[in-house]
C-alpha cells in the first residue's frame, strides 16, 4: 500500500475474479488495446496497476480474486493487498465489480461485495463478456445478479452490461466514470 501514488485525484477501481476481463475493459474504456496487459491465463495481473487519465480519475486495475494460475502463497498475498486497498483508500470513489455474464455472481464475488459494504465503498456491477451469452441466458444471469445485489447496502442499483470485444456498454461506463467526483 505504501507504493501507491498519492491520493491527489479520485480513483475508480475494477475488481473481479481472475480472467473476468478487467484489463480488457480498461483497454476498451481508454481506446488503447495494449494499455492494460490482458491474458487468457488467470492471474496475470499481480499488482495494483494505476492508469492516469487526462484531467480525470485514476483507473485502477486490481489483481483478480478467486482462481489464479499461481502458487497459493502468491495468491494469498494478492488477496491481502486487494482487501487492504478496498478497505483503506480514501480517494476511491467507486469500485466496479466485474461479473462474467456467462457465470453470474459466485460466492467469492459475494465476499468482495460484503467487504465493500463493510468499508462503505459504493460499488457498481459491470457484467462483462455479454456478447458470449444468448439473450435468454443473459436475462437469467441479470435476475441472479440483481437478487445478489439486493443484499448489499453499498451496491449501486444499476448494472452495466458490456462487451469489450464488441464495444457494448463502454460509452455508458465512460459516462458514469465522468460524473464521479
N, C-alpha and C. Protein backbone atom coordinates (compact mmCIF):
# COMPACT_ATOMS: atom_id res chain seq x y z
N UNK A 1 0.83 -1.20 0.00
CA UNK A 1 0.00 0.00 0.00
C UNK A 1 0.87 1.26 0.00
N UNK A 2 2.05 1.19 0.60
CA UNK A 2 2.90 2.39 0.66
C UNK A 2 3.51 2.73 -0.70
N UNK A 3 3.40 1.86 -1.68
CA UNK A 3 3.92 2.13 -3.01
C UNK A 3 2.89 2.74 -3.96
N UNK A 4 1.68 2.98 -3.46
CA UNK A 4 0.63 3.55 -4.32
C UNK A 4 0.87 5.03 -4.54
N UNK A 5 0.38 5.58 -5.66
CA UNK A 5 0.55 7.01 -5.91
C UNK A 5 -0.19 7.84 -4.86
N UNK A 6 0.14 9.12 -4.75
CA UNK A 6 -0.57 9.97 -3.79
C UNK A 6 -2.05 10.07 -4.14
N UNK A 7 -2.85 10.35 -3.13
CA UNK A 7 -4.30 10.49 -3.34
C UNK A 7 -4.61 11.90 -3.83
N UNK A 8 -4.04 12.27 -4.98
CA UNK A 8 -4.21 13.63 -5.49
C UNK A 8 -5.37 13.77 -6.47
N UNK A 9 -6.07 12.68 -6.73
CA UNK A 9 -7.26 12.71 -7.58
C UNK A 9 -8.12 11.51 -7.20
N UNK A 10 -9.35 11.51 -7.65
CA UNK A 10 -10.21 10.37 -7.32
C UNK A 10 -9.77 9.15 -8.10
N UNK A 11 -10.20 8.00 -7.61
CA UNK A 11 -9.87 6.73 -8.23
C UNK A 11 -11.14 5.92 -8.43
N UNK A 12 -11.17 5.17 -9.51
CA UNK A 12 -12.18 4.14 -9.70
C UNK A 12 -11.41 2.85 -9.95
N UNK A 13 -11.87 1.78 -9.33
CA UNK A 13 -11.14 0.53 -9.48
C UNK A 13 -12.03 -0.52 -10.12
N UNK A 14 -11.36 -1.51 -10.67
CA UNK A 14 -12.03 -2.61 -11.34
C UNK A 14 -11.61 -3.89 -10.64
N UNK A 15 -12.57 -4.51 -9.95
CA UNK A 15 -12.32 -5.73 -9.19
C UNK A 15 -13.13 -6.85 -9.81
N UNK A 16 -12.62 -8.05 -9.71
CA UNK A 16 -13.35 -9.19 -10.25
C UNK A 16 -12.52 -10.45 -10.17
N UNK A 17 -13.19 -11.55 -10.42
CA UNK A 17 -12.49 -12.84 -10.42
C UNK A 17 -11.40 -12.83 -11.47
N UNK A 18 -10.45 -13.72 -11.31
CA UNK A 18 -9.41 -13.89 -12.30
C UNK A 18 -10.04 -14.20 -13.66
N UNK A 19 -9.56 -13.53 -14.68
CA UNK A 19 -9.98 -13.76 -16.07
C UNK A 19 -11.40 -13.28 -16.39
N UNK A 20 -11.92 -12.34 -15.61
CA UNK A 20 -13.26 -11.82 -15.87
C UNK A 20 -13.25 -10.72 -16.95
N UNK A 21 -12.07 -10.15 -17.21
CA UNK A 21 -11.98 -9.14 -18.26
C UNK A 21 -11.68 -7.74 -17.76
N UNK A 22 -11.03 -7.61 -16.60
CA UNK A 22 -10.72 -6.29 -16.05
C UNK A 22 -9.79 -5.51 -16.97
N UNK A 23 -8.69 -6.12 -17.36
CA UNK A 23 -7.72 -5.43 -18.22
C UNK A 23 -8.32 -5.11 -19.59
N UNK A 24 -9.06 -6.03 -20.15
CA UNK A 24 -9.70 -5.79 -21.45
C UNK A 24 -10.69 -4.63 -21.36
N UNK A 25 -11.42 -4.54 -20.25
CA UNK A 25 -12.37 -3.44 -20.08
C UNK A 25 -11.65 -2.10 -19.99
N UNK A 26 -10.54 -2.04 -19.26
CA UNK A 26 -9.76 -0.80 -19.18
C UNK A 26 -9.25 -0.42 -20.56
N UNK A 27 -8.77 -1.39 -21.32
CA UNK A 27 -8.31 -1.11 -22.68
C UNK A 27 -9.46 -0.56 -23.54
N UNK A 28 -10.64 -1.14 -23.42
CA UNK A 28 -11.80 -0.67 -24.19
C UNK A 28 -12.20 0.75 -23.76
N UNK A 29 -12.18 1.01 -22.46
CA UNK A 29 -12.55 2.34 -21.95
C UNK A 29 -11.61 3.43 -22.46
N UNK A 30 -10.32 3.09 -22.52
CA UNK A 30 -9.33 4.09 -22.91
C UNK A 30 -9.10 4.12 -24.43
N UNK A 31 -9.62 3.11 -25.13
CA UNK A 31 -9.39 3.04 -26.56
C UNK A 31 -7.96 2.66 -26.92
N UNK A 32 -7.26 2.05 -25.98
CA UNK A 32 -5.85 1.66 -26.19
C UNK A 32 -5.71 0.16 -25.93
N UNK A 33 -5.59 -0.61 -26.99
CA UNK A 33 -5.59 -2.07 -26.89
C UNK A 33 -4.56 -2.66 -25.94
N UNK A 34 -3.35 -2.15 -25.91
CA UNK A 34 -2.30 -2.77 -25.11
C UNK A 34 -1.98 -2.05 -23.82
N UNK A 35 -2.82 -1.13 -23.38
CA UNK A 35 -2.52 -0.36 -22.16
C UNK A 35 -2.43 -1.27 -20.95
N UNK A 36 -3.53 -1.94 -20.64
CA UNK A 36 -3.55 -2.91 -19.54
C UNK A 36 -3.29 -4.28 -20.16
N UNK A 37 -2.37 -5.00 -19.60
CA UNK A 37 -1.99 -6.28 -20.18
C UNK A 37 -3.06 -7.33 -19.95
N UNK A 38 -3.71 -7.74 -21.02
CA UNK A 38 -4.76 -8.75 -20.94
C UNK A 38 -4.18 -10.11 -21.33
N UNK A 39 -4.72 -11.17 -20.72
CA UNK A 39 -4.22 -12.51 -20.99
C UNK A 39 -5.34 -13.51 -20.83
N UNK A 40 -5.22 -14.63 -21.51
CA UNK A 40 -6.18 -15.72 -21.31
C UNK A 40 -5.84 -16.56 -20.08
N UNK A 41 -4.67 -16.32 -19.51
CA UNK A 41 -4.23 -17.06 -18.32
C UNK A 41 -4.69 -16.34 -17.07
N UNK A 42 -5.50 -16.98 -16.23
CA UNK A 42 -5.94 -16.34 -15.00
C UNK A 42 -4.75 -15.96 -14.11
N UNK A 43 -4.84 -14.79 -13.49
CA UNK A 43 -3.82 -14.39 -12.53
C UNK A 43 -2.66 -13.61 -13.12
N UNK A 44 -2.80 -13.07 -14.32
CA UNK A 44 -1.71 -12.30 -14.93
C UNK A 44 -1.46 -10.98 -14.21
N UNK A 45 -2.54 -10.28 -13.85
CA UNK A 45 -2.36 -9.02 -13.12
C UNK A 45 -2.03 -9.38 -11.68
N UNK A 46 -0.79 -9.02 -11.27
CA UNK A 46 -0.33 -9.45 -9.96
C UNK A 46 -0.09 -8.29 -9.00
N UNK A 47 -0.32 -7.09 -9.46
CA UNK A 47 -0.15 -5.90 -8.62
C UNK A 47 -1.32 -4.96 -8.88
N UNK A 48 -1.42 -3.93 -8.08
CA UNK A 48 -2.40 -2.88 -8.33
C UNK A 48 -1.79 -1.96 -9.38
N UNK A 49 -2.44 -1.85 -10.52
CA UNK A 49 -1.93 -1.04 -11.63
C UNK A 49 -2.77 0.22 -11.80
N UNK A 50 -2.11 1.37 -11.78
CA UNK A 50 -2.77 2.66 -11.94
C UNK A 50 -2.59 3.17 -13.36
N UNK A 51 -3.67 3.70 -13.92
CA UNK A 51 -3.63 4.33 -15.23
C UNK A 51 -4.16 5.75 -15.08
N UNK A 52 -3.38 6.71 -15.53
CA UNK A 52 -3.74 8.12 -15.41
C UNK A 52 -4.59 8.53 -16.61
N UNK A 53 -5.67 9.24 -16.35
CA UNK A 53 -6.47 9.79 -17.43
C UNK A 53 -6.24 11.30 -17.46
N UNK A 54 -6.41 11.90 -18.61
CA UNK A 54 -6.20 13.34 -18.74
C UNK A 54 -7.32 14.08 -18.03
N UNK A 55 -6.97 14.73 -16.92
CA UNK A 55 -7.95 15.52 -16.18
C UNK A 55 -9.03 14.72 -15.48
N UNK A 56 -8.91 13.41 -15.47
CA UNK A 56 -9.93 12.58 -14.84
C UNK A 56 -9.35 11.72 -13.74
N UNK A 57 -10.09 10.70 -13.36
CA UNK A 57 -9.64 9.86 -12.25
C UNK A 57 -8.55 8.88 -12.66
N UNK A 58 -7.91 8.31 -11.66
CA UNK A 58 -7.07 7.15 -11.91
C UNK A 58 -7.99 5.98 -12.21
N UNK A 59 -7.64 5.17 -13.18
CA UNK A 59 -8.30 3.89 -13.41
C UNK A 59 -7.39 2.85 -12.79
N UNK A 60 -7.93 2.03 -11.89
CA UNK A 60 -7.11 1.11 -11.12
C UNK A 60 -7.50 -0.33 -11.45
N UNK A 61 -6.54 -1.06 -11.98
CA UNK A 61 -6.72 -2.46 -12.35
C UNK A 61 -6.20 -3.30 -11.19
N UNK A 62 -7.10 -4.05 -10.56
CA UNK A 62 -6.74 -4.85 -9.39
C UNK A 62 -6.45 -6.30 -9.78
N UNK A 63 -5.61 -6.97 -9.00
CA UNK A 63 -5.42 -8.40 -9.25
C UNK A 63 -6.74 -9.14 -9.10
N UNK A 64 -6.92 -10.17 -9.90
CA UNK A 64 -8.14 -10.96 -9.79
C UNK A 64 -8.20 -11.73 -8.49
N UNK A 65 -9.41 -12.00 -8.05
CA UNK A 65 -9.58 -12.84 -6.87
C UNK A 65 -10.18 -14.17 -7.31
N UNK A 66 -10.09 -15.15 -6.45
CA UNK A 66 -10.56 -16.47 -6.81
C UNK A 66 -9.43 -17.24 -7.46
N UNK A 67 -9.76 -18.11 -8.38
CA UNK A 67 -8.76 -18.96 -9.03
C UNK A 67 -7.73 -18.13 -9.77
N UNK A 68 -6.48 -18.48 -9.60
CA UNK A 68 -5.40 -17.89 -10.39
C UNK A 68 -4.34 -18.95 -10.59
N UNK A 69 -3.68 -18.87 -11.73
CA UNK A 69 -2.63 -19.84 -12.06
C UNK A 69 -1.32 -19.37 -11.44
N UNK A 70 -1.24 -19.46 -10.12
CA UNK A 70 -0.06 -19.01 -9.38
C UNK A 70 0.02 -19.80 -8.08
N UNK A 71 1.20 -19.84 -7.45
CA UNK A 71 1.33 -20.54 -6.17
C UNK A 71 0.41 -19.94 -5.10
N UNK A 72 -0.06 -20.79 -4.21
CA UNK A 72 -1.02 -20.39 -3.18
C UNK A 72 -0.53 -19.20 -2.36
N UNK A 73 0.74 -19.17 -1.97
CA UNK A 73 1.27 -18.07 -1.16
C UNK A 73 1.21 -16.74 -1.93
N UNK A 74 1.46 -16.79 -3.23
CA UNK A 74 1.38 -15.58 -4.06
C UNK A 74 -0.07 -15.10 -4.14
N UNK A 75 -1.00 -16.03 -4.35
CA UNK A 75 -2.42 -15.68 -4.42
C UNK A 75 -2.89 -15.07 -3.10
N UNK A 76 -2.47 -15.65 -1.98
CA UNK A 76 -2.84 -15.11 -0.66
C UNK A 76 -2.31 -13.69 -0.48
N UNK A 77 -1.10 -13.42 -0.97
CA UNK A 77 -0.52 -12.07 -0.89
C UNK A 77 -1.37 -11.09 -1.70
N UNK A 78 -1.80 -11.49 -2.92
CA UNK A 78 -2.65 -10.62 -3.74
C UNK A 78 -3.96 -10.33 -3.00
N UNK A 79 -4.53 -11.37 -2.37
CA UNK A 79 -5.81 -11.20 -1.68
C UNK A 79 -5.68 -10.19 -0.54
N UNK A 80 -4.59 -10.27 0.22
CA UNK A 80 -4.38 -9.32 1.32
C UNK A 80 -4.24 -7.89 0.78
N UNK A 81 -3.48 -7.75 -0.30
CA UNK A 81 -3.30 -6.44 -0.92
C UNK A 81 -4.63 -5.89 -1.42
N UNK A 82 -5.40 -6.72 -2.09
CA UNK A 82 -6.71 -6.32 -2.62
C UNK A 82 -7.62 -5.85 -1.49
N UNK A 83 -7.69 -6.62 -0.42
CA UNK A 83 -8.55 -6.26 0.71
C UNK A 83 -8.09 -4.99 1.39
N UNK A 84 -6.78 -4.81 1.55
CA UNK A 84 -6.24 -3.58 2.16
C UNK A 84 -6.58 -2.37 1.28
N UNK A 85 -6.45 -2.52 -0.02
CA UNK A 85 -6.77 -1.41 -0.93
C UNK A 85 -8.25 -1.06 -0.85
N UNK A 86 -9.12 -2.05 -0.97
CA UNK A 86 -10.56 -1.77 -1.00
C UNK A 86 -11.06 -1.18 0.32
N UNK A 87 -10.45 -1.56 1.42
CA UNK A 87 -10.91 -1.08 2.73
C UNK A 87 -10.25 0.23 3.15
N UNK A 88 -9.14 0.62 2.49
CA UNK A 88 -8.39 1.73 3.06
C UNK A 88 -7.99 2.86 2.13
N UNK A 89 -8.55 2.98 0.97
CA UNK A 89 -8.13 4.03 0.03
C UNK A 89 -9.18 5.14 0.03
N UNK A 90 -8.86 6.26 0.68
CA UNK A 90 -9.82 7.37 0.84
C UNK A 90 -10.23 8.00 -0.49
N UNK A 91 -9.37 7.97 -1.49
CA UNK A 91 -9.68 8.62 -2.77
C UNK A 91 -10.49 7.71 -3.70
N UNK A 92 -10.81 6.50 -3.26
CA UNK A 92 -11.61 5.58 -4.07
C UNK A 92 -13.07 6.01 -4.06
N UNK A 93 -13.59 6.39 -5.23
CA UNK A 93 -14.97 6.86 -5.32
C UNK A 93 -15.95 5.79 -5.73
N UNK A 94 -15.50 4.85 -6.52
CA UNK A 94 -16.40 3.79 -6.95
C UNK A 94 -15.58 2.56 -7.29
N UNK A 95 -16.05 1.45 -6.83
CA UNK A 95 -15.47 0.17 -7.24
C UNK A 95 -16.43 -0.43 -8.25
N UNK A 96 -15.90 -0.85 -9.35
CA UNK A 96 -16.69 -1.58 -10.33
C UNK A 96 -16.36 -3.05 -10.15
N UNK A 97 -17.36 -3.82 -9.75
CA UNK A 97 -17.19 -5.25 -9.55
C UNK A 97 -17.62 -5.94 -10.84
N UNK A 98 -16.66 -6.55 -11.50
CA UNK A 98 -16.93 -7.18 -12.78
C UNK A 98 -17.38 -8.62 -12.57
N UNK A 99 -18.49 -8.94 -13.23
CA UNK A 99 -19.08 -10.27 -13.16
C UNK A 99 -19.19 -10.81 -14.59
N UNK A 100 -18.69 -12.00 -14.82
CA UNK A 100 -18.77 -12.63 -16.13
C UNK A 100 -20.23 -12.98 -16.41
N UNK A 101 -20.76 -12.46 -17.51
CA UNK A 101 -22.18 -12.68 -17.86
C UNK A 101 -22.49 -14.15 -18.11
N UNK A 102 -21.48 -14.96 -18.33
CA UNK A 102 -21.70 -16.40 -18.54
C UNK A 102 -21.90 -17.14 -17.23
N UNK A 103 -21.49 -16.53 -16.10
CA UNK A 103 -21.47 -17.27 -14.84
C UNK A 103 -22.28 -16.63 -13.70
N UNK A 104 -22.51 -15.33 -13.74
CA UNK A 104 -23.23 -14.67 -12.65
C UNK A 104 -22.37 -14.53 -11.40
N UNK A 105 -23.02 -14.14 -10.30
CA UNK A 105 -22.32 -13.91 -9.04
C UNK A 105 -21.97 -15.24 -8.40
N UNK A 106 -20.69 -15.40 -8.06
CA UNK A 106 -20.17 -16.58 -7.37
C UNK A 106 -19.93 -16.21 -5.90
N UNK A 107 -19.78 -17.19 -5.01
CA UNK A 107 -19.55 -16.88 -3.59
C UNK A 107 -18.36 -15.94 -3.36
N UNK A 108 -17.29 -16.07 -4.12
CA UNK A 108 -16.13 -15.20 -3.93
C UNK A 108 -16.47 -13.75 -4.31
N UNK A 109 -17.36 -13.55 -5.29
CA UNK A 109 -17.82 -12.19 -5.63
C UNK A 109 -18.61 -11.62 -4.45
N UNK A 110 -19.45 -12.45 -3.85
CA UNK A 110 -20.25 -12.02 -2.72
C UNK A 110 -19.35 -11.61 -1.55
N UNK A 111 -18.24 -12.31 -1.35
CA UNK A 111 -17.29 -11.94 -0.29
C UNK A 111 -16.72 -10.54 -0.52
N UNK A 112 -16.35 -10.24 -1.76
CA UNK A 112 -15.80 -8.92 -2.08
C UNK A 112 -16.87 -7.85 -1.89
N UNK A 113 -18.10 -8.13 -2.31
CA UNK A 113 -19.18 -7.16 -2.13
C UNK A 113 -19.44 -6.91 -0.64
N UNK A 114 -19.35 -7.94 0.18
CA UNK A 114 -19.51 -7.78 1.62
C UNK A 114 -18.37 -6.92 2.19
N UNK A 115 -17.16 -7.14 1.72
CA UNK A 115 -16.01 -6.32 2.13
C UNK A 115 -16.26 -4.85 1.77
N UNK A 116 -16.77 -4.60 0.58
CA UNK A 116 -17.07 -3.23 0.15
C UNK A 116 -18.19 -2.62 1.01
N UNK A 117 -19.19 -3.41 1.37
CA UNK A 117 -20.24 -2.94 2.29
C UNK A 117 -19.62 -2.48 3.60
N UNK A 118 -18.77 -3.33 4.18
CA UNK A 118 -18.14 -3.04 5.48
C UNK A 118 -17.25 -1.81 5.41
N UNK A 119 -16.58 -1.61 4.25
CA UNK A 119 -15.70 -0.46 4.09
C UNK A 119 -16.45 0.79 3.63
N UNK A 120 -17.77 0.66 3.43
CA UNK A 120 -18.63 1.76 2.96
C UNK A 120 -18.13 2.33 1.62
N UNK A 121 -17.70 1.43 0.73
CA UNK A 121 -17.27 1.82 -0.61
C UNK A 121 -18.41 1.49 -1.57
N UNK A 122 -18.95 2.52 -2.21
CA UNK A 122 -20.01 2.30 -3.19
C UNK A 122 -19.45 1.49 -4.34
N UNK A 123 -20.20 0.48 -4.75
CA UNK A 123 -19.76 -0.31 -5.89
C UNK A 123 -20.90 -0.52 -6.87
N UNK A 124 -20.51 -0.76 -8.11
CA UNK A 124 -21.46 -0.99 -9.18
C UNK A 124 -21.02 -2.23 -9.94
N UNK A 125 -21.97 -3.08 -10.28
CA UNK A 125 -21.64 -4.29 -11.01
C UNK A 125 -21.61 -4.02 -12.50
N UNK A 126 -20.56 -4.52 -13.14
CA UNK A 126 -20.42 -4.47 -14.59
C UNK A 126 -20.39 -5.91 -15.07
N UNK A 127 -21.38 -6.27 -15.89
CA UNK A 127 -21.36 -7.60 -16.49
C UNK A 127 -20.46 -7.55 -17.70
N UNK A 128 -19.49 -8.44 -17.76
CA UNK A 128 -18.55 -8.49 -18.88
C UNK A 128 -18.89 -9.68 -19.78
N UNK A 129 -18.32 -9.65 -20.96
CA UNK A 129 -18.43 -10.74 -21.93
C UNK A 129 -19.88 -11.03 -22.31
N UNK A 130 -20.71 -9.98 -22.33
CA UNK A 130 -22.13 -10.14 -22.64
C UNK A 130 -22.36 -10.68 -24.05
N UNK A 131 -21.41 -10.45 -24.94
CA UNK A 131 -21.55 -10.94 -26.31
C UNK A 131 -21.42 -12.46 -26.39
N UNK A 132 -20.97 -13.09 -25.34
CA UNK A 132 -20.76 -14.54 -25.34
C UNK A 132 -21.96 -15.30 -24.77
N UNK A 133 -23.06 -14.57 -24.49
CA UNK A 133 -24.23 -15.18 -23.86
C UNK A 133 -25.47 -14.87 -24.70
N UNK A 134 -26.32 -15.86 -24.89
CA UNK A 134 -27.58 -15.65 -25.60
C UNK A 134 -28.51 -14.82 -24.72
N UNK A 135 -29.41 -14.08 -25.35
CA UNK A 135 -30.31 -13.15 -24.64
C UNK A 135 -31.09 -13.84 -23.53
N UNK A 136 -31.62 -15.02 -23.78
CA UNK A 136 -32.42 -15.74 -22.77
C UNK A 136 -31.57 -16.07 -21.54
N UNK A 137 -30.34 -16.55 -21.78
CA UNK A 137 -29.45 -16.87 -20.67
C UNK A 137 -29.03 -15.61 -19.93
N UNK A 138 -28.84 -14.52 -20.66
CA UNK A 138 -28.43 -13.25 -20.04
C UNK A 138 -29.52 -12.76 -19.09
N UNK A 139 -30.79 -12.91 -19.46
CA UNK A 139 -31.88 -12.49 -18.58
C UNK A 139 -31.84 -13.25 -17.25
N UNK A 140 -31.55 -14.54 -17.30
CA UNK A 140 -31.46 -15.33 -16.07
C UNK A 140 -30.28 -14.85 -15.21
N UNK A 141 -29.15 -14.53 -15.84
CA UNK A 141 -27.99 -14.04 -15.10
C UNK A 141 -28.30 -12.67 -14.50
N UNK A 142 -28.94 -11.80 -15.26
CA UNK A 142 -29.32 -10.47 -14.74
C UNK A 142 -30.20 -10.61 -13.50
N UNK A 143 -31.16 -11.52 -13.54
CA UNK A 143 -32.03 -11.74 -12.37
C UNK A 143 -31.21 -12.23 -11.17
N UNK A 144 -30.30 -13.17 -11.41
CA UNK A 144 -29.46 -13.71 -10.33
C UNK A 144 -28.59 -12.61 -9.73
N UNK A 145 -28.02 -11.77 -10.57
CA UNK A 145 -27.15 -10.68 -10.09
C UNK A 145 -27.97 -9.67 -9.29
N UNK A 146 -29.13 -9.31 -9.78
CA UNK A 146 -29.98 -8.35 -9.05
C UNK A 146 -30.40 -8.88 -7.68
N UNK A 147 -30.71 -10.18 -7.61
CA UNK A 147 -31.04 -10.78 -6.31
C UNK A 147 -29.85 -10.70 -5.36
N UNK A 148 -28.66 -10.99 -5.87
CA UNK A 148 -27.45 -10.94 -5.04
C UNK A 148 -27.19 -9.51 -4.56
N UNK A 149 -27.38 -8.53 -5.43
CA UNK A 149 -27.11 -7.13 -5.07
C UNK A 149 -28.08 -6.60 -4.02
N UNK A 150 -29.28 -7.13 -4.00
CA UNK A 150 -30.30 -6.66 -3.04
C UNK A 150 -29.82 -6.83 -1.60
N UNK A 151 -28.86 -7.71 -1.36
CA UNK A 151 -28.34 -7.98 -0.02
C UNK A 151 -27.21 -7.04 0.38
N UNK A 152 -26.80 -6.15 -0.51
CA UNK A 152 -25.61 -5.33 -0.27
C UNK A 152 -25.95 -3.84 -0.25
N UNK A 153 -25.85 -3.22 0.93
CA UNK A 153 -26.21 -1.80 1.05
C UNK A 153 -25.29 -0.86 0.26
N UNK A 154 -24.06 -1.24 -0.03
CA UNK A 154 -23.15 -0.35 -0.76
C UNK A 154 -23.30 -0.47 -2.27
N UNK A 155 -24.17 -1.39 -2.71
CA UNK A 155 -24.33 -1.62 -4.15
C UNK A 155 -25.13 -0.51 -4.81
N UNK A 156 -24.61 -0.02 -5.92
CA UNK A 156 -25.33 0.91 -6.76
C UNK A 156 -26.37 0.08 -7.51
N UNK A 157 -27.62 0.55 -7.60
CA UNK A 157 -28.69 -0.32 -8.09
C UNK A 157 -28.64 -0.67 -9.58
N UNK A 158 -27.96 0.12 -10.40
CA UNK A 158 -27.97 -0.15 -11.83
C UNK A 158 -26.79 -1.00 -12.25
N UNK A 159 -27.03 -1.89 -13.18
CA UNK A 159 -25.98 -2.74 -13.75
C UNK A 159 -25.55 -2.16 -15.09
N UNK A 160 -24.31 -2.38 -15.44
CA UNK A 160 -23.83 -2.00 -16.77
C UNK A 160 -23.44 -3.29 -17.48
N UNK A 161 -24.04 -3.54 -18.63
CA UNK A 161 -23.78 -4.74 -19.40
C UNK A 161 -22.81 -4.38 -20.52
N UNK A 162 -21.65 -5.07 -20.56
CA UNK A 162 -20.61 -4.69 -21.50
C UNK A 162 -20.07 -5.87 -22.31
N UNK A 163 -19.45 -5.50 -23.40
CA UNK A 163 -18.61 -6.41 -24.18
C UNK A 163 -17.42 -5.60 -24.64
N UNK A 164 -16.26 -5.90 -24.11
CA UNK A 164 -15.04 -5.19 -24.52
C UNK A 164 -14.73 -5.46 -25.99
N UNK A 165 -15.07 -6.65 -26.44
CA UNK A 165 -14.80 -7.05 -27.81
C UNK A 165 -15.68 -6.29 -28.81
N UNK A 166 -16.96 -6.16 -28.50
CA UNK A 166 -17.91 -5.52 -29.42
C UNK A 166 -18.11 -4.03 -29.12
N UNK A 167 -17.69 -3.58 -27.92
CA UNK A 167 -17.85 -2.18 -27.54
C UNK A 167 -19.18 -1.88 -26.85
N UNK A 168 -20.01 -2.88 -26.62
CA UNK A 168 -21.30 -2.67 -25.96
C UNK A 168 -21.11 -2.16 -24.54
N UNK A 169 -21.85 -1.12 -24.18
CA UNK A 169 -21.84 -0.60 -22.81
C UNK A 169 -20.63 0.24 -22.45
N UNK A 170 -19.65 0.35 -23.32
CA UNK A 170 -18.42 1.08 -23.00
C UNK A 170 -18.70 2.58 -22.86
N UNK A 171 -19.48 3.15 -23.76
CA UNK A 171 -19.81 4.58 -23.66
C UNK A 171 -20.60 4.87 -22.39
N UNK A 172 -21.50 3.97 -22.01
CA UNK A 172 -22.27 4.13 -20.77
C UNK A 172 -21.34 4.15 -19.57
N UNK A 173 -20.39 3.22 -19.53
CA UNK A 173 -19.45 3.16 -18.42
C UNK A 173 -18.56 4.40 -18.38
N UNK A 174 -18.10 4.87 -19.53
CA UNK A 174 -17.32 6.10 -19.59
C UNK A 174 -18.12 7.28 -19.01
N UNK A 175 -19.39 7.36 -19.36
CA UNK A 175 -20.24 8.45 -18.87
C UNK A 175 -20.41 8.38 -17.35
N UNK A 176 -20.57 7.18 -16.82
CA UNK A 176 -20.69 7.02 -15.36
C UNK A 176 -19.42 7.49 -14.68
N UNK A 177 -18.27 7.08 -15.19
CA UNK A 177 -16.99 7.49 -14.61
C UNK A 177 -16.81 9.00 -14.68
N UNK A 178 -17.23 9.61 -15.78
CA UNK A 178 -17.09 11.06 -15.96
C UNK A 178 -17.90 11.87 -14.96
N UNK A 179 -18.98 11.29 -14.42
CA UNK A 179 -19.82 12.03 -13.48
C UNK A 179 -19.36 11.92 -12.03
N UNK A 180 -18.39 11.04 -11.75
CA UNK A 180 -17.95 10.83 -10.36
C UNK A 180 -17.05 12.00 -9.92
N UNK A 181 -17.19 12.40 -8.68
CA UNK A 181 -16.35 13.47 -8.12
C UNK A 181 -15.72 13.03 -6.83
